Protein backbone atom coordinates (compact mmCIF):
# COMPACT_ATOMS: atom_id res chain seq x y z
CA MET A 1 -67.15 -9.58 -63.79
CA ARG A 2 -68.80 -12.87 -64.71
CA HIS A 3 -67.81 -12.94 -68.38
CA PRO A 4 -64.44 -11.20 -68.80
CA ASP A 5 -63.76 -12.73 -72.23
CA ILE A 6 -67.09 -11.49 -73.59
CA ALA A 7 -66.62 -8.07 -71.97
CA ARG A 8 -63.25 -7.81 -73.73
CA LEU A 9 -64.87 -8.84 -77.02
CA VAL A 10 -67.68 -6.29 -76.66
CA GLU A 11 -65.34 -3.43 -75.79
CA THR A 12 -62.90 -4.30 -78.58
CA PHE A 13 -65.62 -4.75 -81.17
CA TYR A 14 -67.56 -1.61 -80.32
CA GLY A 15 -64.34 0.40 -80.20
CA ARG A 16 -63.78 -0.67 -83.79
CA ALA A 17 -67.41 -0.09 -84.77
CA ARG A 18 -67.33 3.41 -83.29
CA ALA A 19 -64.19 4.21 -85.31
CA ASP A 20 -65.69 2.80 -88.52
CA ALA A 21 -66.69 5.43 -91.09
CA LEU A 22 -69.96 3.68 -91.93
CA LEU A 23 -71.06 2.45 -88.48
CA GLY A 24 -69.54 5.04 -86.17
CA PRO A 25 -71.96 7.89 -86.88
CA VAL A 26 -74.96 5.71 -86.02
CA PHE A 27 -73.48 4.71 -82.67
CA ASP A 28 -72.42 8.30 -81.96
CA ALA A 29 -75.99 9.47 -82.57
CA VAL A 30 -77.67 6.76 -80.50
CA VAL A 31 -75.47 5.64 -77.59
CA ALA A 32 -74.90 8.21 -74.86
CA ASP A 33 -73.75 5.93 -72.02
CA TRP A 34 -71.08 3.56 -73.32
CA PRO A 35 -70.33 1.83 -70.00
CA HIS A 36 -74.03 0.97 -69.67
CA HIS A 37 -74.15 -0.16 -73.33
CA PHE A 38 -71.07 -2.35 -72.83
CA ALA A 39 -72.61 -3.97 -69.76
CA ALA A 40 -75.91 -4.61 -71.55
CA LEU A 41 -74.21 -6.08 -74.61
CA THR A 42 -71.90 -8.22 -72.51
CA GLY A 43 -75.01 -9.68 -70.89
CA PHE A 44 -76.64 -10.15 -74.28
CA TRP A 45 -73.69 -11.99 -75.86
CA ALA A 46 -73.12 -14.06 -72.71
CA ALA A 47 -76.73 -15.21 -72.98
CA GLN A 48 -76.24 -15.97 -76.68
CA LEU A 49 -73.04 -17.96 -76.17
CA ARG A 50 -73.52 -19.57 -72.80
CA GLY A 51 -77.24 -19.48 -72.21
CA ARG A 52 -76.77 -17.23 -69.21
CA GLY A 53 -76.44 -13.50 -68.97
CA SER A 54 -78.28 -10.51 -67.68
CA TYR A 55 -79.71 -8.95 -70.83
CA HIS A 56 -83.25 -7.57 -70.59
CA GLY A 57 -83.56 -5.38 -73.67
CA GLN A 58 -85.64 -5.33 -76.82
CA PRO A 59 -83.16 -5.32 -79.73
CA ILE A 60 -85.79 -5.53 -82.47
CA ALA A 61 -87.61 -2.45 -81.20
CA VAL A 62 -84.34 -0.57 -80.73
CA HIS A 63 -83.18 -1.30 -84.28
CA ARG A 64 -86.58 -0.55 -85.84
CA ALA A 65 -86.56 2.83 -84.11
CA GLN A 66 -83.25 3.59 -85.86
CA ALA A 67 -84.31 2.37 -89.32
CA HIS A 68 -83.87 5.89 -90.70
CA ARG A 69 -80.17 5.71 -89.74
CA ILE A 70 -79.39 2.07 -90.50
CA THR A 71 -78.94 0.79 -94.05
CA PRO A 72 -78.87 -2.82 -95.24
CA ALA A 73 -75.16 -2.43 -96.08
CA MET A 74 -74.43 -1.62 -92.45
CA PHE A 75 -75.41 -5.14 -91.44
CA ASP A 76 -72.77 -6.57 -93.77
CA ARG A 77 -70.13 -4.19 -92.42
CA TRP A 78 -71.13 -5.00 -88.80
CA LEU A 79 -70.87 -8.74 -89.50
CA MET A 80 -67.47 -8.34 -91.16
CA LEU A 81 -66.09 -6.45 -88.15
CA TRP A 82 -67.74 -8.94 -85.77
CA ASP A 83 -66.21 -11.92 -87.55
CA HIS A 84 -62.77 -10.31 -87.51
CA THR A 85 -62.96 -9.33 -83.85
CA THR A 86 -64.41 -12.59 -82.57
CA ALA A 87 -61.68 -14.50 -84.42
CA GLN A 88 -59.03 -12.37 -82.72
CA VAL A 89 -60.45 -12.23 -79.20
CA MET A 90 -62.30 -15.51 -78.59
CA SER A 91 -61.33 -19.17 -78.76
CA PRO A 92 -62.09 -20.71 -82.18
CA PRO A 93 -65.19 -22.65 -81.01
CA ASP A 94 -66.61 -19.58 -79.23
CA ALA A 95 -65.79 -17.31 -82.18
CA GLU A 96 -67.57 -19.66 -84.59
CA ALA A 97 -70.62 -19.90 -82.32
CA LEU A 98 -70.82 -16.13 -81.90
CA GLN A 99 -70.42 -15.56 -85.64
CA ALA A 100 -73.22 -18.00 -86.44
CA ARG A 101 -75.48 -16.45 -83.81
CA ALA A 102 -74.76 -12.95 -85.12
CA ARG A 103 -75.78 -13.99 -88.64
CA ARG A 104 -79.09 -15.38 -87.36
CA ILE A 105 -79.73 -12.24 -85.33
CA ALA A 106 -78.87 -10.02 -88.31
CA ALA A 107 -81.35 -11.93 -90.46
CA VAL A 108 -84.09 -11.43 -87.86
CA LEU A 109 -83.29 -7.72 -87.51
CA ARG A 110 -83.22 -7.20 -91.28
CA GLY A 111 -86.58 -8.89 -91.57
CA ALA A 112 -88.00 -6.76 -88.78
CA MET A 113 -86.75 -3.58 -90.43
CA ALA A 114 -87.78 -4.49 -93.99
CA ASP A 115 -91.29 -3.10 -93.59
CA THR A 116 -90.28 0.23 -92.04
CA PRO A 117 -90.84 3.31 -94.24
CA ALA A 118 -87.10 4.07 -94.36
CA TRP A 119 -86.24 0.60 -95.61
CA SER A 120 -89.20 0.32 -97.97
CA ALA A 121 -87.78 3.36 -99.78
CA CYS A 122 -84.26 1.90 -99.87
CA PRO A 123 -83.17 0.99 -103.44
CA MET A 124 -81.55 -2.21 -102.14
CA GLY A 125 -84.67 -3.22 -100.26
CA GLY A 126 -84.83 -4.28 -96.65
CA GLY A 127 -84.15 -7.93 -97.30
CA THR A 128 -80.73 -7.60 -98.92
């Protein structure tokens, strides 16, 4: 494995997310092949942190397709778990870089989902 520290982070984080009462049901409904998902996300976060990885997905399209399942509050919960896990698993400089990148990505995803019918009807609005 080319990025064992990131693989450990991904598996630890998504284990926690799957067990989370708010986030878990979304992952249970959407992800059927966890080993494949872990490999894809390890590649994604390796690319985010180190500028190299093997991710070839379309995260905006994937999240927009699940807008009926994802609420704005879920982004805050995801980020809280991410911050906690990165701080535990990664070195401080890597944890800080991954946390900052996750916040930027969350902002982009929220913006992309804000105009979906499910989010337009959300009392909190897509941008919160």
